């Protein structure tokens, strides 16, 4: 669970990774605070270890899970209906 004052920049800072593709947190529209969940996409460089990054988040009290892509999902463009 992320803290209510967490934002994308804080997630990037905690990760310590050099190449961050994207970082998002779920924001409560009424309060303007973090709802406690977020996602970060990282490209590991030489010398970086996924487990080290995971432990940095765990040290802040966050629950960390790997994202699994669905291989059956068609991510291509919609096909016309005839």
PDB file of N, CA and C in Angstrom:
ATOM      1  N   UNK A   1       0.841  -1.169   0.000  1.00  0.00           N
ATOM      2  CA  UNK A   1       0.000   0.000   0.000  1.00  0.00           C
ATOM      3  C   UNK A   1       0.888   1.234   0.000  1.00  0.00           C
ATOM      4  N   UNK A   2       0.636   2.116  -0.954  1.00  0.00           N
ATOM      5  CA  UNK A   2       1.398   3.354  -1.046  1.00  0.00           C
ATOM      6  C   UNK A   2       0.787   4.411  -0.133  1.00  0.00           C
ATOM      7  N   UNK A   3       1.600   5.352   0.295  1.00  0.00           N
ATOM      8  CA  UNK A   3       1.104   6.410   1.185  1.00  0.00           C
ATOM      9  C   UNK A   3       0.226   7.395   0.408  1.00  0.00           C
ATOM     10  N   UNK A   4      -0.667   8.108   1.087  1.00  0.00           N
ATOM     11  CA  UNK A   4      -1.572   9.052   0.408  1.00  0.00           C
ATOM     12  C   UNK A   4      -0.858  10.190  -0.319  1.00  0.00           C
ATOM     13  N   UNK A   5       0.363  10.530   0.092  1.00  0.00           N
ATOM     14  CA  UNK A   5       1.076  11.627  -0.569  1.00  0.00           C
ATOM     15  C   UNK A   5       2.014  11.153  -1.676  1.00  0.00           C
ATOM     16  N   UNK A   6       1.932   9.889  -2.056  1.00  0.00           N
ATOM     17  CA  UNK A   6       2.796   9.317  -3.093  1.00  0.00           C
ATOM     18  C   UNK A   6       2.383   9.822  -4.474  1.00  0.00           C
ATOM     19  N   UNK A   7       3.375  10.095  -5.320  1.00  0.00           N
ATOM     20  CA  UNK A   7       3.118  10.471  -6.705  1.00  0.00           C
ATOM     21  C   UNK A   7       4.124   9.755  -7.604  1.00  0.00           C
ATOM     22  N   UNK A   8       4.022  10.010  -8.918  1.00  0.00           N
ATOM     23  CA  UNK A   8       4.896   9.326  -9.881  1.00  0.00           C
ATOM     24  C   UNK A   8       6.369   9.602  -9.622  1.00  0.00           C
ATOM     25  N   UNK A   9       6.687  10.828  -9.235  1.00  0.00           N
ATOM     26  CA  UNK A   9       8.083  11.193  -9.010  1.00  0.00           C
ATOM     27  C   UNK A   9       8.655  10.456  -7.803  1.00  0.00           C
ATOM     28  N   UNK A  10       7.843  10.283  -6.759  1.00  0.00           N
ATOM     29  CA  UNK A  10       8.283   9.565  -5.565  1.00  0.00           C
ATOM     30  C   UNK A  10       8.527   8.095  -5.881  1.00  0.00           C
ATOM     31  N   UNK A  11       7.657   7.480  -6.696  1.00  0.00           N
ATOM     32  CA  UNK A  11       7.847   6.079  -7.088  1.00  0.00           C
ATOM     33  C   UNK A  11       9.158   5.917  -7.853  1.00  0.00           C
ATOM     34  N   UNK A  12       9.419   6.842  -8.763  1.00  0.00           N
ATOM     35  CA  UNK A  12      10.664   6.784  -9.531  1.00  0.00           C
ATOM     36  C   UNK A  12      11.868   6.897  -8.603  1.00  0.00           C
ATOM     37  N   UNK A  13      11.784   7.801  -7.642  1.00  0.00           N
ATOM     38  CA  UNK A  13      12.880   8.030  -6.709  1.00  0.00           C
ATOM     39  C   UNK A  13      13.142   6.791  -5.851  1.00  0.00           C
ATOM     40  N   UNK A  14      12.086   6.162  -5.345  1.00  0.00           N
ATOM     41  CA  UNK A  14      12.230   4.965  -4.518  1.00  0.00           C
ATOM     42  C   UNK A  14      12.875   3.834  -5.301  1.00  0.00           C
ATOM     43  N   UNK A  15      12.496   3.669  -6.570  1.00  0.00           N
ATOM     44  CA  UNK A  15      13.011   2.552  -7.364  1.00  0.00           C
ATOM     45  C   UNK A  15      14.527   2.610  -7.527  1.00  0.00           C
ATOM     46  N   UNK A  16      15.072   3.795  -7.692  1.00  0.00           N
ATOM     47  CA  UNK A  16      16.506   3.922  -7.889  1.00  0.00           C
ATOM     48  C   UNK A  16      16.968   3.446  -9.254  1.00  0.00           C
ATOM     49  N   UNK A  17      16.038   3.073 -10.125  1.00  0.00           N
ATOM     50  CA  UNK A  17      16.388   2.582 -11.463  1.00  0.00           C
ATOM     51  C   UNK A  17      16.794   3.745 -12.362  1.00  0.00           C
ATOM     52  N   UNK A  18      17.654   3.466 -13.294  1.00  0.00           N
ATOM     53  CA  UNK A  18      18.129   4.507 -14.205  1.00  0.00           C
ATOM     54  C   UNK A  18      17.210   4.704 -15.407  1.00  0.00           C
ATOM     55  N   UNK A  19      16.530   3.637 -15.865  1.00  0.00           N
ATOM     56  CA  UNK A  19      15.671   3.749 -17.045  1.00  0.00           C
ATOM     57  C   UNK A  19      14.239   3.368 -16.674  1.00  0.00           C
ATOM     58  N   UNK A  20      13.432   4.380 -16.417  1.00  0.00           N
ATOM     59  CA  UNK A  20      12.030   4.165 -16.073  1.00  0.00           C
ATOM     60  C   UNK A  20      11.191   4.496 -17.291  1.00  0.00           C
ATOM     61  N   UNK A  21      10.445   3.523 -17.763  1.00  0.00           N
ATOM     62  CA  UNK A  21       9.610   3.710 -18.944  1.00  0.00           C
ATOM     63  C   UNK A  21       8.352   4.484 -18.576  1.00  0.00           C
ATOM     64  N   UNK A  22       7.679   4.079 -17.490  1.00  0.00           N
ATOM     65  CA  UNK A  22       6.490   4.799 -17.044  1.00  0.00           C
ATOM     66  C   UNK A  22       6.259   4.545 -15.559  1.00  0.00           C
ATOM     67  N   UNK A  23       5.575   5.481 -14.925  1.00  0.00           N
ATOM     68  CA  UNK A  23       5.190   5.349 -13.522  1.00  0.00           C
ATOM     69  C   UNK A  23       3.837   6.008 -13.350  1.00  0.00           C
ATOM     70  N   UNK A  24       2.921   5.320 -12.690  1.00  0.00           N
ATOM     71  CA  UNK A  24       1.566   5.831 -12.474  1.00  0.00           C
ATOM     72  C   UNK A  24       1.118   5.491 -11.066  1.00  0.00           C
ATOM     73  N   UNK A  25       0.324   6.375 -10.467  1.00  0.00           N
ATOM     74  CA  UNK A  25      -0.358   6.072  -9.219  1.00  0.00           C
ATOM     75  C   UNK A  25      -1.841   6.348  -9.423  1.00  0.00           C
ATOM     76  N   UNK A  26      -2.674   5.606  -8.706  1.00  0.00           N
ATOM     77  CA  UNK A  26      -4.110   5.809  -8.796  1.00  0.00           C
ATOM     78  C   UNK A  26      -4.475   6.935  -7.827  1.00  0.00           C
ATOM     79  N   UNK A  27      -5.063   8.014  -8.372  1.00  0.00           N
ATOM     80  CA  UNK A  27      -5.368   9.215  -7.600  1.00  0.00           C
ATOM     81  C   UNK A  27      -6.868   9.310  -7.335  1.00  0.00           C
ATOM     82  N   UNK A  28      -7.227   9.625  -6.094  1.00  0.00           N
ATOM     83  CA  UNK A  28      -8.612   9.887  -5.712  1.00  0.00           C
ATOM     84  C   UNK A  28      -8.985  11.266  -6.253  1.00  0.00           C
ATOM     85  N   UNK A  29      -9.967  11.325  -7.140  1.00  0.00           N
ATOM     86  CA  UNK A  29     -10.332  12.573  -7.811  1.00  0.00           C
ATOM     87  C   UNK A  29     -10.868  13.624  -6.841  1.00  0.00           C
ATOM     88  N   UNK A  30     -11.523  13.218  -5.772  1.00  0.00           N
ATOM     89  CA  UNK A  30     -12.084  14.182  -4.817  1.00  0.00           C
ATOM     90  C   UNK A  30     -11.036  14.724  -3.850  1.00  0.00           C
ATOM     91  N   UNK A  31     -10.193  13.848  -3.350  1.00  0.00           N
ATOM     92  CA  UNK A  31      -9.201  14.253  -2.352  1.00  0.00           C
ATOM     93  C   UNK A  31      -7.877  14.692  -2.973  1.00  0.00           C
ATOM     94  N   UNK A  32      -7.586  14.229  -4.178  1.00  0.00           N
ATOM     95  CA  UNK A  32      -6.314  14.542  -4.821  1.00  0.00           C
ATOM     96  C   UNK A  32      -5.140  13.806  -4.203  1.00  0.00           C
ATOM     97  N   UNK A  33      -5.414  12.679  -3.548  1.00  0.00           N
ATOM     98  CA  UNK A  33      -4.358  11.893  -2.921  1.00  0.00           C
ATOM     99  C   UNK A  33      -4.281  10.510  -3.559  1.00  0.00           C
ATOM    100  N   UNK A  34      -3.174   9.843  -3.306  1.00  0.00           N
ATOM    101  CA  UNK A  34      -2.967   8.487  -3.818  1.00  0.00           C
ATOM    102  C   UNK A  34      -3.930   7.526  -3.134  1.00  0.00           C
ATOM    103  N   UNK A  35      -4.551   6.646  -3.913  1.00  0.00           N
ATOM    104  CA  UNK A  35      -5.467   5.645  -3.364  1.00  0.00           C
ATOM    105  C   UNK A  35      -4.719   4.447  -2.768  1.00  0.00           C
ATOM    106  N   UNK A  36      -3.415   4.388  -2.947  1.00  0.00           N
ATOM    107  CA  UNK A  36      -2.629   3.299  -2.368  1.00  0.00           C
ATOM    108  C   UNK A  36      -2.084   2.315  -3.376  1.00  0.00           C
ATOM    109  N   UNK A  37      -2.421   2.509  -4.662  1.00  0.00           N
ATOM    110  CA  UNK A  37      -1.908   1.596  -5.684  1.00  0.00           C
ATOM    111  C   UNK A  37      -1.188   2.367  -6.784  1.00  0.00           C
ATOM    112  N   UNK A  38      -0.258   1.697  -7.419  1.00  0.00           N
ATOM    113  CA  UNK A  38       0.475   2.314  -8.517  1.00  0.00           C
ATOM    114  C   UNK A  38       1.173   1.252  -9.338  1.00  0.00           C
ATOM    115  N   UNK A  39       1.807   1.700 -10.396  1.00  0.00           N
ATOM    116  CA  UNK A  39       2.504   0.783 -11.298  1.00  0.00           C
ATOM    117  C   UNK A  39       3.738   1.499 -11.845  1.00  0.00           C
ATOM    118  N   UNK A  40       4.819   0.739 -11.963  1.00  0.00           N
ATOM    119  CA  UNK A  40       6.045   1.281 -12.546  1.00  0.00           C
ATOM    120  C   UNK A  40       6.578   0.261 -13.550  1.00  0.00           C
ATOM    121  N   UNK A  41       7.041   0.770 -14.678  1.00  0.00           N
ATOM    122  CA  UNK A  41       7.611  -0.082 -15.734  1.00  0.00           C
ATOM    123  C   UNK A  41       9.062   0.341 -15.904  1.00  0.00           C
ATOM    124  N   UNK A  42       9.967  -0.620 -15.730  1.00  0.00           N
ATOM    125  CA  UNK A  42      11.400  -0.328 -15.702  1.00  0.00           C
ATOM    126  C   UNK A  42      12.141  -1.212 -16.693  1.00  0.00           C
ATOM    127  N   UNK A  43      13.120  -0.625 -17.353  1.00  0.00           N
ATOM    128  CA  UNK A  43      14.059  -1.414 -18.166  1.00  0.00           C
ATOM    129  C   UNK A  43      15.339  -1.510 -17.346  1.00  0.00           C
ATOM    130  N   UNK A  44      15.728  -2.733 -17.004  1.00  0.00           N
ATOM    131  CA  UNK A  44      16.921  -2.922 -16.187  1.00  0.00           C
ATOM    132  C   UNK A  44      18.181  -2.750 -17.022  1.00  0.00           C
ATOM    133  N   UNK A  45      19.104  -1.962 -16.521  1.00  0.00           N
ATOM    134  CA  UNK A  45      20.403  -1.775 -17.159  1.00  0.00           C
ATOM    135  C   UNK A  45      21.391  -2.763 -16.558  1.00  0.00           C
ATOM    136  N   UNK A  46      22.554  -2.841 -17.139  1.00  0.00           N
ATOM    137  CA  UNK A  46      23.602  -3.707 -16.606  1.00  0.00           C
ATOM    138  C   UNK A  46      23.898  -3.289 -15.168  1.00  0.00           C
ATOM    139  N   UNK A  47      23.969  -4.256 -14.291  1.00  0.00           N
ATOM    140  CA  UNK A  47      24.258  -3.974 -12.888  1.00  0.00           C
ATOM    141  C   UNK A  47      23.018  -3.745 -12.043  1.00  0.00           C
ATOM    142  N   UNK A  48      21.835  -3.587 -12.663  1.00  0.00           N
ATOM    143  CA  UNK A  48      20.602  -3.418 -11.907  1.00  0.00           C
ATOM    144  C   UNK A  48      19.937  -4.777 -11.732  1.00  0.00           C
ATOM    145  N   UNK A  49      19.295  -4.962 -10.601  1.00  0.00           N
ATOM    146  CA  UNK A  49      18.683  -6.239 -10.267  1.00  0.00           C
ATOM    147  C   UNK A  49      17.236  -5.990  -9.855  1.00  0.00           C
ATOM    148  N   UNK A  50      16.320  -6.758 -10.399  1.00  0.00           N
ATOM    149  CA  UNK A  50      14.899  -6.600 -10.093  1.00  0.00           C
ATOM    150  C   UNK A  50      14.634  -6.778  -8.603  1.00  0.00           C
ATOM    151  N   UNK A  51      15.309  -7.706  -7.972  1.00  0.00           N
ATOM    152  CA  UNK A  51      15.082  -7.964  -6.552  1.00  0.00           C
ATOM    153  C   UNK A  51      15.525  -6.792  -5.682  1.00  0.00           C
ATOM    154  N   UNK A  52      16.601  -6.100  -6.064  1.00  0.00           N
ATOM    155  CA  UNK A  52      17.034  -4.915  -5.317  1.00  0.00           C
ATOM    156  C   UNK A  52      15.967  -3.820  -5.364  1.00  0.00           C
ATOM    157  N   UNK A  53      15.379  -3.621  -6.538  1.00  0.00           N
ATOM    158  CA  UNK A  53      14.334  -2.615  -6.698  1.00  0.00           C
ATOM    159  C   UNK A  53      13.101  -3.015  -5.899  1.00  0.00           C
ATOM    160  N   UNK A  54      12.752  -4.279  -5.952  1.00  0.00           N
ATOM    161  CA  UNK A  54      11.618  -4.796  -5.177  1.00  0.00           C
ATOM    162  C   UNK A  54      11.824  -4.521  -3.681  1.00  0.00           C
ATOM    163  N   UNK A  55      13.017  -4.787  -3.176  1.00  0.00           N
ATOM    164  CA  UNK A  55      13.296  -4.598  -1.750  1.00  0.00           C
ATOM    165  C   UNK A  55      13.216  -3.134  -1.325  1.00  0.00           C
ATOM    166  N   UNK A  56      13.547  -2.216  -2.225  1.00  0.00           N
ATOM    167  CA  UNK A  56      13.413  -0.785  -1.899  1.00  0.00           C
ATOM    168  C   UNK A  56      11.956  -0.424  -1.636  1.00  0.00           C
ATOM    169  N   UNK A  57      11.049  -0.989  -2.435  1.00  0.00           N
ATOM    170  CA  UNK A  57       9.620  -0.724  -2.237  1.00  0.00           C
ATOM    171  C   UNK A  57       9.103  -1.426  -0.982  1.00  0.00           C
ATOM    172  N   UNK A  58       9.527  -2.658  -0.758  1.00  0.00           N
ATOM    173  CA  UNK A  58       9.102  -3.402   0.428  1.00  0.00           C
ATOM    174  C   UNK A  58       9.544  -2.664   1.693  1.00  0.00           C
ATOM    175  N   UNK A  59      10.724  -2.049   1.663  1.00  0.00           N
ATOM    176  CA  UNK A  59      11.226  -1.300   2.819  1.00  0.00           C
ATOM    177  C   UNK A  59      10.326  -0.106   3.156  1.00  0.00           C
ATOM    178  N   UNK A  60       9.574   0.396   2.176  1.00  0.00           N
ATOM    179  CA  UNK A  60       8.650   1.507   2.436  1.00  0.00           C
ATOM    180  C   UNK A  60       7.281   1.004   2.877  1.00  0.00           C
ATOM    181  N   UNK A  61       7.110  -0.319   2.911  1.00  0.00           N
ATOM    182  CA  UNK A  61       5.835  -0.898   3.325  1.00  0.00           C
ATOM    183  C   UNK A  61       4.909  -1.228   2.167  1.00  0.00           C
ATOM    184  N   UNK A  62       5.393  -1.129   0.944  1.00  0.00           N
ATOM    185  CA  UNK A  62       4.570  -1.402  -0.241  1.00  0.00           C
ATOM    186  C   UNK A  62       4.562  -2.897  -0.557  1.00  0.00           C
ATOM    187  N   UNK A  63       3.425  -3.380  -1.028  1.00  0.00           N
ATOM    188  CA  UNK A  63       3.301  -4.750  -1.517  1.00  0.00           C
ATOM    189  C   UNK A  63       3.665  -4.726  -2.991  1.00  0.00           C
ATOM    190  N   UNK A  64       4.581  -5.574  -3.414  1.00  0.00           N
ATOM    191  CA  UNK A  64       5.078  -5.566  -4.791  1.00  0.00           C
ATOM    192  C   UNK A  64       4.688  -6.851  -5.484  1.00  0.00           C
ATOM    193  N   UNK A  65       4.104  -6.708  -6.686  1.00  0.00           N
ATOM    194  CA  UNK A  65       3.750  -7.862  -7.520  1.00  0.00           C
ATOM    195  C   UNK A  65       4.225  -7.604  -8.932  1.00  0.00           C
ATOM    196  N   UNK A  66       4.658  -8.686  -9.614  1.00  0.00           N
ATOM    197  CA  UNK A  66       5.024  -8.592 -11.027  1.00  0.00           C
ATOM    198  C   UNK A  66       3.756  -8.561 -11.858  1.00  0.00           C
ATOM    199  N   UNK A  67       3.781  -7.780 -12.925  1.00  0.00           N
ATOM    200  CA  UNK A  67       2.650  -7.724 -13.846  1.00  0.00           C
ATOM    201  C   UNK A  67       2.816  -8.833 -14.876  1.00  0.00           C
ATOM    202  N   UNK A  68       1.746  -9.554 -15.119  1.00  0.00           N
ATOM    203  CA  UNK A  68       1.763 -10.626 -16.117  1.00  0.00           C
ATOM    204  C   UNK A  68       0.961 -10.191 -17.335  1.00  0.00           C
ATOM    205  N   UNK A  69       1.577 -10.255 -18.509  1.00  0.00           N
ATOM    206  CA  UNK A  69       0.853  -9.970 -19.746  1.00  0.00           C
ATOM    207  C   UNK A  69       0.002 -11.165 -20.113  1.00  0.00           C
ATOM    208  N   UNK A  70      -1.164 -10.899 -20.659  1.00  0.00           N
ATOM    209  CA  UNK A  70      -2.050 -11.969 -21.091  1.00  0.00           C
ATOM    210  C   UNK A  70      -1.707 -12.336 -22.537  1.00  0.00           C
ATOM    211  N   UNK A  71      -1.135 -13.528 -22.790  1.00  0.00           N
ATOM    212  CA  UNK A  71      -0.735 -13.880 -24.149  1.00  0.00           C
ATOM    213  C   UNK A  71      -1.915 -14.037 -25.106  1.00  0.00           C
ATOM    214  N   UNK A  72      -3.119 -14.320 -24.586  1.00  0.00           N
ATOM    215  CA  UNK A  72      -4.278 -14.498 -25.455  1.00  0.00           C
ATOM    216  C   UNK A  72      -4.855 -13.155 -25.914  1.00  0.00           C
ATOM    217  N   UNK A  73      -4.512 -12.096 -25.236  1.00  0.00           N
ATOM    218  CA  UNK A  73      -5.088 -10.798 -25.538  1.00  0.00           C
ATOM    219  C   UNK A  73      -4.563 -10.286 -26.874  1.00  0.00           C
ATOM    220  N   UNK A  74      -5.473  -9.891 -27.763  1.00  0.00           N
ATOM    221  CA  UNK A  74      -5.101  -9.340 -29.054  1.00  0.00           C
ATOM    222  C   UNK A  74      -4.914  -7.840 -28.883  1.00  0.00           C
ATOM    223  N   UNK A  75      -3.676  -7.376 -28.923  1.00  0.00           N
ATOM    224  CA  UNK A  75      -3.411  -5.962 -28.706  1.00  0.00           C
ATOM    225  C   UNK A  75      -3.364  -5.180 -30.020  1.00  0.00           C
ATOM    226  N   UNK A  76      -3.707  -5.843 -31.125  1.00  0.00           N
ATOM    227  CA  UNK A  76      -3.716  -5.173 -32.425  1.00  0.00           C
ATOM    228  C   UNK A  76      -4.921  -4.280 -32.605  1.00  0.00           C
ATOM    229  N   UNK A  77      -5.007  -3.662 -33.733  1.00  0.00           N
ATOM    230  CA  UNK A  77      -6.135  -2.784 -34.013  1.00  0.00           C
ATOM    231  C   UNK A  77      -7.430  -3.590 -34.177  1.00  0.00           C
ATOM    232  N   UNK A  78      -8.531  -2.943 -33.948  1.00  0.00           N
ATOM    233  CA  UNK A  78      -9.825  -3.604 -34.133  1.00  0.00           C
ATOM    234  C   UNK A  78      -9.996  -3.998 -35.593  1.00  0.00           C
ATOM    235  N   UNK A  79     -10.639  -5.108 -35.797  1.00  0.00           N
ATOM    236  CA  UNK A  79     -10.866  -5.596 -37.151  1.00  0.00           C
ATOM    237  C   UNK A  79     -12.271  -5.196 -37.594  1.00  0.00           C
ATOM    238  N   UNK A  80     -12.459  -4.894 -38.848  1.00  0.00           N
ATOM    239  CA  UNK A  80     -13.786  -4.494 -39.300  1.00  0.00           C
ATOM    240  C   UNK A  80     -14.805  -5.630 -39.210  1.00  0.00           C
ATOM    241  N   UNK A  81     -16.042  -5.289 -38.980  1.00  0.00           N
ATOM    242  CA  UNK A  81     -17.121  -6.257 -38.926  1.00  0.00           C
ATOM    243  C   UNK A  81     -17.831  -6.234 -40.267  1.00  0.00           C
ATOM    244  N   UNK A  82     -18.001  -7.399 -40.899  1.00  0.00           N
ATOM    245  CA  UNK A  82     -18.656  -7.483 -42.204  1.00  0.00           C
ATOM    246  C   UNK A  82     -20.001  -8.097 -42.080  1.00  0.00           C
TER     247      UNK A  82
END
